[in-house]
Protein backbone atom coordinates (compact mmCIF):
# COMPACT_ATOMS: atom_id res chain seq x y z
CA MET A 1 69.36 -34.78 -107.20
CA ASN A 2 67.12 -32.43 -105.25
CA ARG A 3 65.91 -29.50 -107.31
CA ARG A 4 63.87 -26.51 -106.19
CA THR A 5 61.28 -25.03 -108.56
CA VAL A 6 61.56 -21.24 -108.67
CA PHE A 7 59.10 -18.98 -110.51
CA ILE A 8 60.60 -15.67 -111.64
CA LYS A 9 58.37 -12.61 -111.81
CA ASP A 10 59.25 -9.76 -114.13
CA PRO A 11 57.47 -6.40 -114.09
CA ILE A 12 54.71 -7.47 -116.51
CA ASN A 13 54.31 -11.27 -116.23
CA LYS A 14 52.60 -11.46 -112.83
CA HIS A 15 49.33 -12.76 -114.30
CA SER A 16 50.89 -15.60 -116.32
CA ILE A 17 53.27 -16.59 -113.50
CA ARG A 18 50.31 -16.74 -111.11
CA VAL A 19 48.56 -19.20 -113.45
CA LEU A 20 51.66 -21.41 -113.63
CA MET A 21 52.02 -21.40 -109.85
CA ALA A 22 48.42 -22.58 -109.49
CA ALA A 23 48.94 -25.30 -112.11
CA TYR A 24 52.10 -26.45 -110.31
CA GLU A 25 50.16 -26.75 -107.06
CA LYS A 26 47.58 -28.97 -108.76
CA ALA A 27 50.23 -31.21 -110.33
CA PHE A 28 52.41 -31.44 -107.22
CA PRO A 29 50.15 -30.83 -104.20
CA ASP A 30 52.71 -32.11 -101.70
CA ASP A 31 55.68 -30.16 -103.05
CA ASP A 32 56.82 -26.71 -102.13
CA TYR A 33 58.03 -24.11 -104.62
CA PHE A 34 59.52 -20.65 -104.52
CA VAL A 35 58.87 -17.25 -106.10
CA THR A 36 61.38 -14.47 -106.70
CA ASP A 37 61.53 -11.32 -108.80
CA PHE A 38 64.07 -9.76 -111.12
CA LYS A 39 65.78 -7.80 -108.37
CA THR A 40 66.49 -10.85 -106.22
CA ALA A 41 66.49 -13.71 -108.75
CA TYR A 42 70.23 -13.86 -109.42
CA ASP A 43 71.08 -14.22 -105.74
CA PHE A 44 68.08 -16.42 -104.92
CA VAL A 45 68.34 -19.05 -107.66
CA SER A 46 71.01 -21.55 -106.70
CA ASP A 47 72.75 -24.68 -107.95
CA ASN A 48 70.35 -27.37 -109.29
CA ASP A 49 67.27 -25.11 -109.25
CA ILE A 50 64.62 -25.09 -111.98
CA ALA A 51 64.08 -21.45 -112.96
CA ILE A 52 60.74 -20.82 -114.68
CA PHE A 53 60.27 -17.70 -116.81
CA SER A 54 57.24 -16.35 -118.69
CA SER A 55 57.73 -13.41 -121.00
CA ALA A 56 55.95 -11.05 -123.33
CA SER A 57 57.92 -9.68 -126.26
CA ARG A 58 58.60 -6.30 -124.68
CA SER A 59 60.40 -7.84 -121.70
CA ILE A 60 62.18 -10.70 -123.45
CA ASP A 61 65.64 -9.06 -123.51
CA LYS A 62 65.74 -8.78 -119.72
CA ASN A 63 64.61 -12.39 -119.34
CA ILE A 64 67.33 -13.56 -121.72
CA GLU A 65 69.94 -11.55 -119.85
CA LEU A 66 68.94 -13.05 -116.50
CA SER A 67 68.78 -16.63 -117.80
CA GLU A 68 72.23 -16.37 -119.35
CA ALA A 69 73.61 -14.89 -116.11
CA LEU A 70 72.15 -17.78 -114.12
CA LYS A 71 73.70 -20.31 -116.51
CA LEU A 72 77.08 -18.68 -116.02
CA LYS A 73 76.53 -18.85 -112.27
CA SER A 74 75.89 -22.61 -112.39
CA LYS A 75 75.62 -25.05 -115.28
CA ASN A 76 73.30 -27.17 -113.13
CA ILE A 77 70.54 -24.55 -113.13
CA ILE A 78 67.80 -25.50 -115.60
CA SER A 79 65.93 -22.58 -117.14
CA MET A 80 62.55 -22.86 -118.82
CA ILE A 81 60.58 -20.11 -120.57
CA GLY A 82 57.04 -19.85 -121.90
CA GLY A 83 54.64 -17.04 -122.70
CA PRO A 84 53.68 -15.06 -125.81
CA HIS A 85 57.21 -14.44 -127.08
CA ALA A 86 58.32 -18.04 -126.62
CA SER A 87 55.20 -19.22 -128.45
CA ALA A 88 55.93 -16.96 -131.41
CA ARG A 89 59.75 -17.22 -131.55
CA PRO A 90 60.80 -20.49 -129.86
CA LYS A 91 63.90 -21.12 -131.98
CA SER A 92 65.33 -17.72 -131.11
CA LEU A 93 65.45 -18.65 -127.42
CA VAL A 94 67.02 -22.12 -127.40
CA GLU A 95 70.54 -20.77 -126.87
CA SER A 96 69.49 -18.80 -123.80
CA PHE A 97 67.11 -21.27 -122.14
CA ASP A 98 67.30 -25.03 -121.67
CA ILE A 99 63.60 -25.52 -122.41
CA VAL A 100 61.32 -23.32 -124.50
CA ALA A 101 57.59 -23.98 -124.07
CA THR A 102 55.04 -22.84 -126.62
CA GLY A 103 51.29 -22.49 -126.19
CA GLU A 104 49.46 -22.99 -122.91
CA GLY A 105 51.36 -24.00 -119.81
CA GLU A 106 48.88 -25.46 -117.33
CA LEU A 107 49.08 -29.04 -118.58
CA LEU A 108 52.66 -28.76 -119.77
CA ILE A 109 54.27 -27.87 -116.47
CA GLU A 110 53.59 -31.26 -114.90
CA LYS A 111 55.25 -33.15 -117.77
CA VAL A 112 58.32 -30.91 -117.93
CA ILE A 113 58.96 -30.91 -114.18
CA ASN A 114 58.60 -34.70 -114.05
CA ASP A 115 60.94 -35.07 -117.04
CA ILE A 116 63.54 -32.90 -115.34
CA HIS A 117 63.41 -34.88 -112.11
CA ASN A 118 63.60 -38.14 -114.06
CA ASP A 119 66.51 -36.85 -116.13
CA ASN A 120 64.41 -37.37 -119.24
CA ILE A 121 64.82 -34.05 -121.07
CA ASN A 122 65.46 -34.89 -124.72
CA TYR A 123 63.96 -31.72 -126.18
CA SER A 124 64.73 -28.02 -126.24
CA ILE A 125 61.30 -26.93 -127.54
CA ILE A 126 58.04 -28.43 -126.34
CA ASP A 127 54.47 -27.58 -127.32
CA GLY A 128 51.81 -27.05 -124.69
CA GLU A 129 48.42 -28.74 -124.81
CA LYS A 130 45.25 -26.67 -125.11
CA VAL A 131 43.24 -26.51 -121.88
CA GLN A 132 39.72 -27.57 -122.78
CA ASN A 133 38.11 -26.53 -119.51
CA LEU A 134 39.60 -23.44 -117.87
CA ASP A 135 37.76 -24.29 -114.64
CA ASP A 136 40.16 -27.19 -114.13
CA PHE A 137 42.83 -24.77 -112.91
CA HIS A 138 42.71 -22.20 -110.15
CA VAL A 139 43.45 -18.59 -111.00
CA PHE A 140 44.86 -17.87 -107.56
CA PRO A 141 47.54 -20.18 -106.14
CA ARG A 142 46.69 -21.38 -102.65
CA LYS A 143 50.15 -21.84 -101.11
CA LYS A 144 51.61 -18.49 -102.09
CA VAL A 145 49.39 -15.43 -101.77
CA SER A 146 49.13 -13.90 -105.24
CA LEU A 147 45.87 -12.17 -106.02
CA GLY A 148 44.86 -10.07 -109.01
CA PRO A 149 42.54 -9.98 -112.02
CA ILE A 150 40.68 -13.13 -113.02
CA GLU A 151 41.02 -14.36 -116.59
CA LEU A 152 37.47 -14.30 -117.88
CA ILE A 153 37.95 -15.30 -121.52
CA ARG A 154 40.74 -17.06 -123.40
CA GLY A 155 40.82 -16.18 -127.09
CA CYS A 156 39.08 -13.45 -129.06
CA ILE A 157 36.33 -13.35 -131.66
CA SER A 158 38.26 -10.60 -133.48
CA LYS A 159 41.28 -11.33 -135.67
CA CYS A 160 43.04 -7.98 -135.49
CA THR A 161 46.21 -7.99 -137.56
CA TYR A 162 48.41 -6.23 -134.98
CA CYS A 163 47.50 -8.55 -132.08
CA GLN A 164 49.11 -11.79 -130.82
CA THR A 165 45.93 -13.24 -129.33
CA PRO A 166 44.38 -14.81 -132.48
CA LYS A 167 47.46 -16.98 -133.07
CA LEU A 168 48.24 -17.54 -129.40
CA PHE A 169 44.71 -18.78 -128.60
CA PRO A 170 43.10 -19.89 -131.88
CA GLY A 171 39.70 -21.50 -132.17
CA ALA A 172 36.52 -21.01 -130.19
CA LEU A 173 36.45 -18.79 -127.12
CA ARG A 174 36.85 -20.49 -123.75
CA TYR A 175 35.38 -19.09 -120.57
CA ARG A 176 35.66 -19.44 -116.83
CA SER A 177 32.24 -20.24 -115.42
CA VAL A 178 30.44 -18.04 -112.92
CA ASP A 179 30.58 -20.81 -110.31
CA PHE A 180 34.34 -21.10 -110.74
CA ILE A 181 34.83 -17.33 -110.52
CA ALA A 182 32.67 -17.22 -107.40
CA ASN A 183 34.84 -19.90 -105.80
CA GLU A 184 38.02 -17.97 -106.57
CA ILE A 185 36.57 -14.76 -105.19
CA GLU A 186 35.41 -16.51 -102.02
CA PHE A 187 38.98 -17.73 -101.54
CA ALA A 188 40.35 -14.25 -102.20
CA LEU A 189 37.92 -12.63 -99.78
CA GLY A 190 39.52 -14.67 -97.03
CA ARG A 191 42.83 -12.99 -97.78
CA LYS A 192 43.62 -9.64 -96.25
CA GLY A 193 43.62 -6.79 -98.71
CA TYR A 194 41.37 -8.23 -101.45
CA ALA A 195 39.22 -5.24 -102.25
CA GLU A 196 38.32 -5.40 -105.93
CA ALA A 197 37.32 -7.80 -108.68
CA ARG A 198 38.91 -7.17 -112.06
CA PHE A 199 38.87 -9.33 -115.16
CA ILE A 200 41.29 -10.16 -117.98
CA ALA A 201 39.60 -10.25 -121.38
CA PRO A 202 40.42 -9.00 -124.89
CA ASP A 203 36.77 -7.90 -125.04
CA ALA A 204 34.76 -8.12 -121.83
CA SER A 205 31.46 -7.90 -123.73
CA SER A 206 32.12 -11.27 -125.43
CA TYR A 207 31.69 -13.32 -122.22
CA TYR A 208 29.76 -16.41 -123.33
CA TYR A 209 29.23 -14.73 -126.69
CA ASP A 210 26.32 -16.31 -128.57
CA LYS A 211 25.87 -14.72 -131.99
CA GLY A 212 25.89 -11.44 -130.12
CA VAL A 213 26.43 -10.01 -126.65
CA ASN A 214 25.12 -12.43 -124.01
CA LEU A 215 23.54 -10.03 -121.55
CA GLU A 216 22.12 -12.85 -119.43
CA ALA A 217 25.57 -14.38 -118.89
CA ILE A 218 27.16 -11.02 -118.12
CA GLU A 219 24.42 -10.14 -115.63
CA ASN A 220 24.79 -13.54 -113.97
CA LEU A 221 28.52 -12.90 -113.60
CA LEU A 222 28.22 -9.36 -112.27
CA SER A 223 25.30 -10.03 -109.93
CA THR A 224 27.01 -13.10 -108.48
CA VAL A 225 30.25 -11.24 -107.84
CA ARG A 226 28.36 -8.30 -106.32
CA GLY A 227 26.50 -10.68 -104.03
CA LEU A 228 29.81 -12.04 -102.75
CA ILE A 229 31.79 -8.89 -102.21
CA LYS A 230 28.78 -6.72 -101.26
CA ASP A 231 30.05 -3.27 -100.21
CA ASN A 232 33.42 -4.61 -99.06
CA GLY A 233 35.01 -4.36 -102.49
CA LYS A 234 34.60 -3.02 -105.99
CA ILE A 235 33.85 -4.56 -109.39
CA PHE A 236 35.66 -3.34 -112.51
CA PHE A 237 34.38 -4.43 -115.93
CA GLY A 238 35.48 -3.20 -119.35
CA THR A 239 38.51 -1.38 -118.01
CA PHE A 240 42.15 -2.38 -117.45
CA PRO A 241 43.28 -5.14 -117.80
CA SER A 242 40.47 -5.65 -120.28
CA GLU A 243 38.72 -3.41 -122.74
CA LEU A 244 35.49 -3.25 -124.68
CA ASP A 245 35.13 -3.64 -128.42
CA PRO A 246 32.67 -0.94 -129.56
CA ALA A 247 30.79 -3.63 -131.50
CA GLY A 248 29.66 -5.13 -128.21
CA VAL A 249 28.52 -1.93 -126.49
CA THR A 250 24.77 -1.48 -126.11
CA LYS A 251 22.54 0.54 -123.80
CA GLU A 252 21.53 -2.71 -122.09
CA LEU A 253 25.17 -3.63 -121.38
CA ILE A 254 25.83 -0.18 -119.94
CA ASP A 255 22.72 -0.47 -117.76
CA LEU A 256 24.18 -3.66 -116.25
CA MET A 257 27.50 -1.94 -115.62
CA VAL A 258 25.81 1.01 -113.94
CA ARG A 259 23.81 -1.36 -111.75
CA TYR A 260 26.59 -3.71 -110.63
CA CYS A 261 29.99 -2.14 -111.27
CA ASP A 262 32.07 0.54 -109.59
CA ASN A 263 34.30 1.73 -112.41
CA LYS A 264 33.33 4.94 -114.15
CA LEU A 265 36.25 4.71 -116.56
CA ILE A 266 36.02 2.65 -119.74
CA VAL A 267 38.75 1.62 -122.17
CA ILE A 268 37.68 1.37 -125.82
CA GLY A 269 39.99 -0.03 -128.46
CA LEU A 270 39.97 1.95 -131.72
CA GLN A 271 43.63 2.05 -132.89
CA SER A 272 42.90 4.19 -135.98
CA ALA A 273 39.99 6.54 -136.63
CA SER A 274 39.84 5.56 -140.29
CA ASP A 275 37.22 3.14 -141.56
CA LYS A 276 39.67 2.10 -144.26
CA MET A 277 42.22 1.14 -141.60
CA GLN A 278 39.54 -0.60 -139.54
CA ARG A 279 38.88 -2.89 -142.50
CA ILE A 280 42.58 -3.46 -143.19
CA MET A 281 43.15 -4.34 -139.52
CA LYS A 282 40.21 -6.78 -139.65
CA ARG A 283 38.45 -5.01 -136.80
CA ARG A 284 34.85 -5.99 -135.98
CA SER A 285 33.74 -2.40 -135.53
CA GLY A 286 34.13 0.87 -137.40
CA ILE A 287 34.02 4.55 -136.53
CA LYS A 288 30.21 4.61 -136.48
CA GLU A 289 30.04 1.89 -133.82
CA THR A 290 32.84 3.52 -131.83
CA GLU A 291 31.21 6.94 -131.75
CA LYS A 292 27.87 5.40 -130.80
CA ALA A 293 29.55 3.59 -127.90
CA ILE A 294 31.25 6.80 -126.77
CA GLU A 295 27.95 8.68 -126.80
CA LEU A 296 26.21 5.95 -124.79
CA PHE A 297 28.93 5.97 -122.13
CA LEU A 298 29.02 9.76 -121.97
CA ASP A 299 25.24 9.79 -121.48
CA ASN A 300 25.85 7.64 -118.40
CA LYS A 301 28.65 9.88 -117.13
CA PHE A 302 31.53 7.47 -117.77
CA GLU A 303 35.07 8.66 -118.38
CA ILE A 304 36.37 7.24 -121.65
CA VAL A 305 39.88 6.27 -122.69
CA VAL A 306 40.30 5.49 -126.40
CA ASP A 307 43.34 3.49 -127.48
CA LEU A 308 45.06 4.69 -130.67
CA ILE A 309 48.14 3.18 -132.29
CA PHE A 310 50.40 5.55 -134.23
CA GLY A 311 52.63 4.38 -137.07
CA LEU A 312 50.43 1.50 -138.16
CA PRO A 313 51.33 -0.17 -141.47
CA HIS A 314 49.26 0.97 -144.46
CA GLU A 315 48.38 4.34 -142.93
CA ASP A 316 48.55 7.23 -145.39
CA GLU A 317 47.99 10.98 -145.35
CA PHE A 318 44.22 10.55 -145.68
CA THR A 319 43.84 7.97 -142.89
CA TYR A 320 46.00 10.03 -140.53
CA GLN A 321 43.85 13.08 -141.24
CA GLU A 322 40.76 11.06 -140.28
CA THR A 323 42.37 10.29 -136.94
CA LEU A 324 43.17 13.98 -136.48
CA LYS A 325 39.54 14.90 -137.23
CA PHE A 326 38.36 12.31 -134.71
CA ILE A 327 40.63 13.77 -132.01
CA ASP A 328 39.37 17.29 -132.74
CA LYS A 329 35.74 16.14 -132.72
CA TRP A 330 35.98 14.52 -129.30
CA TYR A 331 38.32 17.05 -127.71
CA GLY A 332 37.44 17.61 -124.06
CA LYS A 333 35.13 14.60 -123.92
CA ILE A 334 37.56 11.66 -124.02
CA THR A 335 41.16 10.87 -123.18
CA ILE A 336 43.49 9.30 -125.74
CA HIS A 337 45.90 6.52 -124.79
CA ALA A 338 48.60 6.69 -127.47
CA HIS A 339 50.76 3.74 -128.44
CA PRO A 340 53.60 3.66 -130.99
CA TYR A 341 53.25 0.75 -133.41
CA ASP A 342 55.34 -2.23 -132.33
CA PRO A 343 55.18 -5.30 -134.59
CA LEU A 344 54.41 -8.16 -132.21
CA PRO A 345 55.83 -11.64 -132.92
CA GLY A 346 52.97 -14.00 -133.60
CA SER A 347 50.68 -11.32 -135.01
CA LEU A 348 49.64 -11.18 -138.67
CA TRP A 349 51.62 -7.94 -138.96
CA GLU A 350 54.77 -9.21 -137.23
CA ASN A 351 56.88 -8.43 -140.31
CA GLU A 352 55.17 -5.19 -141.32
CA ILE A 353 57.03 -1.87 -141.22
CA SER A 354 55.60 1.14 -139.41
CA THR A 355 54.61 4.30 -141.26
CA THR A 356 55.73 7.84 -140.47
CA VAL A 357 53.33 9.82 -138.31
CA PRO A 358 52.73 13.32 -139.76
CA GLU A 359 54.28 16.20 -137.83
CA ASN A 360 50.97 18.02 -137.40
CA LEU A 361 49.49 14.94 -135.72
CA ILE A 362 52.49 14.55 -133.42
CA LYS A 363 52.24 18.24 -132.53
CA LYS A 364 48.53 17.89 -131.77
CA MET A 365 49.14 14.89 -129.52
CA LYS A 366 51.91 16.66 -127.61
CA SER A 367 49.71 19.69 -127.02
CA LEU A 368 46.93 17.47 -125.65
CA GLN A 369 49.41 15.57 -123.52
CA GLY A 370 50.38 18.83 -121.87
CA ILE A 371 46.82 19.37 -120.64
CA GLY A 372 46.17 15.78 -119.60
CA LYS A 373 44.02 14.73 -122.56
CA VAL A 374 46.61 12.28 -123.90
CA PHE A 375 48.91 9.83 -122.17
CA GLY A 376 51.40 7.41 -123.65
CA ASN A 377 53.58 7.99 -126.71
CA THR A 378 52.98 8.45 -130.43
CA VAL A 379 56.50 7.55 -131.57
């Protein structure tokens, strides 16, 4: 039975789907595959196809809906899903997908595709194997043009209670080497429209972390990338889709960014401006480190976005007032990116209940939103 392999992109999974496409190319270099998106997937996926999904928790309902629609369209379509939500809640997906993959997908995809073609699927849930060397797999697929940020680090040295990453990628940090990144960028430069180098990292300052920020490794990365793209593109470091933990921000790091990078906007994760909450959330840094980092960036004329989560478990009147004082203190100097608390499957706080955000804090945030000093939502 001939089966096509079809990767399905949803609005927020383009990075993980790109990785799976590249891994598929390595496993099956002589085979073709196809890519579709949510708008066209129902019509594009046909009888006997293998439909591959990857989903975060916030988009899982739409992925379930599409998979179930495809199964009604043809019982011969095989659907497979991986990603953060599948890794955290595999049993909840077995009725909607034929195969649920947990963990990392690069090594897994070859086994599953071969099993399907050999009619050897005797499992509904399968665990992925940890990739020991990230350089073994391209970031950018070669057959289908799909460019974007380069995953710099897998894992995180922090163990924040609200985050999926510590459980999704436990153990020591893994890195993509500078030589590998240079090779990917050289490939991308040959593609029309590649104009910027961005990186995916929970904390960009922890690249080759060695009992502290490894300035030599970061400079090697940034100088190498700058040497490749010259003035034909831009380098973004410590901004979306990565951020900087205040604990890793030093004057020396900022000097490197000023020298090699183009972004003048920085994203700093704070989540709550209470030292008590910082300890409860198991954050590496506190308010002192955060404010020091803000001052250093302001001295170098950076724009600063500070992430705050509203409704966190264990917040109380006192901790919320500390956040309000922080907002007042830095009014006009920073922008707040507000997030409502959403318990993520796979995080230490996945079963925790949100707290009620005080009305005066909500009112303050709405007033700042009206003048462009806040974006996002508090509730």
